[in-house]
């Protein structure tokens, strides 16, 4: 019930979208992960091109996810 109150929705609305606590928890984690992924890709798009091979190894996967060349 506390989750529904904090979200400003009815308990029925919460249970309609997430019938179990596990489903609600999973949906919350997925939502937070997607927000963080978007932030990481935005940060990656601002990273400098070039640098040391070690930097390229770390930055490359993020740049590829952002659709940029490593």
C-alpha atoms as a PDB file:
ATOM      1  CA  UNK A   1       0.000   0.000   0.000  1.00  0.00           C
ATOM      2  CA  UNK A   2       2.868   2.412   0.760  1.00  0.00           C
ATOM      3  CA  UNK A   3       4.123   2.080  -2.821  1.00  0.00           C
ATOM      4  CA  UNK A   4       0.732   3.031  -4.244  1.00  0.00           C
ATOM      5  CA  UNK A   5       0.458   5.992  -1.879  1.00  0.00           C
ATOM      6  CA  UNK A   6       3.917   7.291  -2.776  1.00  0.00           C
ATOM      7  CA  UNK A   7       3.135   6.895  -6.473  1.00  0.00           C
ATOM      8  CA  UNK A   8      -0.174   8.692  -6.051  1.00  0.00           C
ATOM      9  CA  UNK A   9      -2.223   5.836  -7.486  1.00  0.00           C
ATOM     10  CA  UNK A  10      -4.714   3.369  -6.109  1.00  0.00           C
ATOM     11  CA  UNK A  11      -3.660  -0.032  -4.847  1.00  0.00           C
ATOM     12  CA  UNK A  12      -5.784  -1.600  -7.609  1.00  0.00           C
ATOM     13  CA  UNK A  13      -3.853   0.349 -10.256  1.00  0.00           C
ATOM     14  CA  UNK A  14      -0.570  -0.845  -8.785  1.00  0.00           C
ATOM     15  CA  UNK A  15      -1.735  -4.455  -8.718  1.00  0.00           C
ATOM     16  CA  UNK A  16      -3.074  -4.206 -12.268  1.00  0.00           C
ATOM     17  CA  UNK A  17       0.402  -3.352 -13.569  1.00  0.00           C
ATOM     18  CA  UNK A  18       2.365  -5.462 -11.082  1.00  0.00           C
ATOM     19  CA  UNK A  19       0.299  -8.273  -9.569  1.00  0.00           C
ATOM     20  CA  UNK A  20       3.081  -9.384  -7.202  1.00  0.00           C
ATOM     21  CA  UNK A  21       5.778  -7.649  -5.188  1.00  0.00           C
ATOM     22  CA  UNK A  22       8.370  -9.448  -7.255  1.00  0.00           C
ATOM     23  CA  UNK A  23       6.835  -8.093 -10.463  1.00  0.00           C
ATOM     24  CA  UNK A  24       6.748  -4.574  -9.024  1.00  0.00           C
ATOM     25  CA  UNK A  25      10.370  -4.839  -7.873  1.00  0.00           C
ATOM     26  CA  UNK A  26      11.452  -6.203 -11.258  1.00  0.00           C
ATOM     27  CA  UNK A  27       9.653  -3.415 -13.115  1.00  0.00           C
ATOM     28  CA  UNK A  28      11.248  -0.798 -10.861  1.00  0.00           C
ATOM     29  CA  UNK A  29      14.734  -2.218 -11.433  1.00  0.00           C
ATOM     30  CA  UNK A  30      14.195  -2.410 -15.196  1.00  0.00           C
ATOM     31  CA  UNK A  31      13.006   1.199 -15.230  1.00  0.00           C
ATOM     32  CA  UNK A  32      16.001   2.385 -13.201  1.00  0.00           C
ATOM     33  CA  UNK A  33      18.397   0.380 -15.393  1.00  0.00           C
ATOM     34  CA  UNK A  34      16.970   1.932 -18.560  1.00  0.00           C
ATOM     35  CA  UNK A  35      17.334   5.437 -17.109  1.00  0.00           C
ATOM     36  CA  UNK A  36      20.941   4.712 -16.163  1.00  0.00           C
ATOM     37  CA  UNK A  37      21.656   3.174 -19.579  1.00  0.00           C
ATOM     38  CA  UNK A  38      20.393   6.344 -21.258  1.00  0.00           C
ATOM     39  CA  UNK A  39      22.624   8.443 -18.999  1.00  0.00           C
ATOM     40  CA  UNK A  40      25.669   6.286 -19.725  1.00  0.00           C
ATOM     41  CA  UNK A  41      25.113   6.463 -23.475  1.00  0.00           C
ATOM     42  CA  UNK A  42      24.728  10.244 -23.288  1.00  0.00           C
ATOM     43  CA  UNK A  43      27.962  10.442 -21.284  1.00  0.00           C
ATOM     44  CA  UNK A  44      29.700   8.143 -23.778  1.00  0.00           C
ATOM     45  CA  UNK A  45      28.730  10.402 -26.658  1.00  0.00           C
ATOM     46  CA  UNK A  46      30.715  13.197 -25.007  1.00  0.00           C
ATOM     47  CA  UNK A  47      33.880  11.167 -24.458  1.00  0.00           C
ATOM     48  CA  UNK A  48      36.916  12.143 -26.491  1.00  0.00           C
ATOM     49  CA  UNK A  49      37.903  10.070 -29.484  1.00  0.00           C
ATOM     50  CA  UNK A  50      41.361   8.577 -29.422  1.00  0.00           C
ATOM     51  CA  UNK A  51      43.518   8.313 -26.362  1.00  0.00           C
ATOM     52  CA  UNK A  52      45.465   5.323 -25.153  1.00  0.00           C
ATOM     53  CA  UNK A  53      44.604   1.767 -26.194  1.00  0.00           C
ATOM     54  CA  UNK A  54      43.469   1.128 -22.609  1.00  0.00           C
ATOM     55  CA  UNK A  55      41.050   4.065 -22.790  1.00  0.00           C
ATOM     56  CA  UNK A  56      39.720   2.786 -26.107  1.00  0.00           C
ATOM     57  CA  UNK A  57      39.133  -0.638 -24.541  1.00  0.00           C
ATOM     58  CA  UNK A  58      37.008   0.933 -21.805  1.00  0.00           C
ATOM     59  CA  UNK A  59      35.245   3.604 -23.856  1.00  0.00           C
ATOM     60  CA  UNK A  60      34.727   1.600 -27.055  1.00  0.00           C
ATOM     61  CA  UNK A  61      31.787  -0.548 -25.902  1.00  0.00           C
ATOM     62  CA  UNK A  62      29.910   2.538 -24.684  1.00  0.00           C
ATOM     63  CA  UNK A  63      30.544   4.411 -27.900  1.00  0.00           C
ATOM     64  CA  UNK A  64      29.357   1.405 -29.952  1.00  0.00           C
ATOM     65  CA  UNK A  65      26.163   1.246 -27.863  1.00  0.00           C
ATOM     66  CA  UNK A  66      25.643   4.927 -28.621  1.00  0.00           C
ATOM     67  CA  UNK A  67      26.016   4.164 -32.334  1.00  0.00           C
ATOM     68  CA  UNK A  68      29.368   5.862 -32.650  1.00  0.00           C
ATOM     69  CA  UNK A  69      32.659   4.531 -33.904  1.00  0.00           C
ATOM     70  CA  UNK A  70      35.013   3.394 -31.181  1.00  0.00           C
END
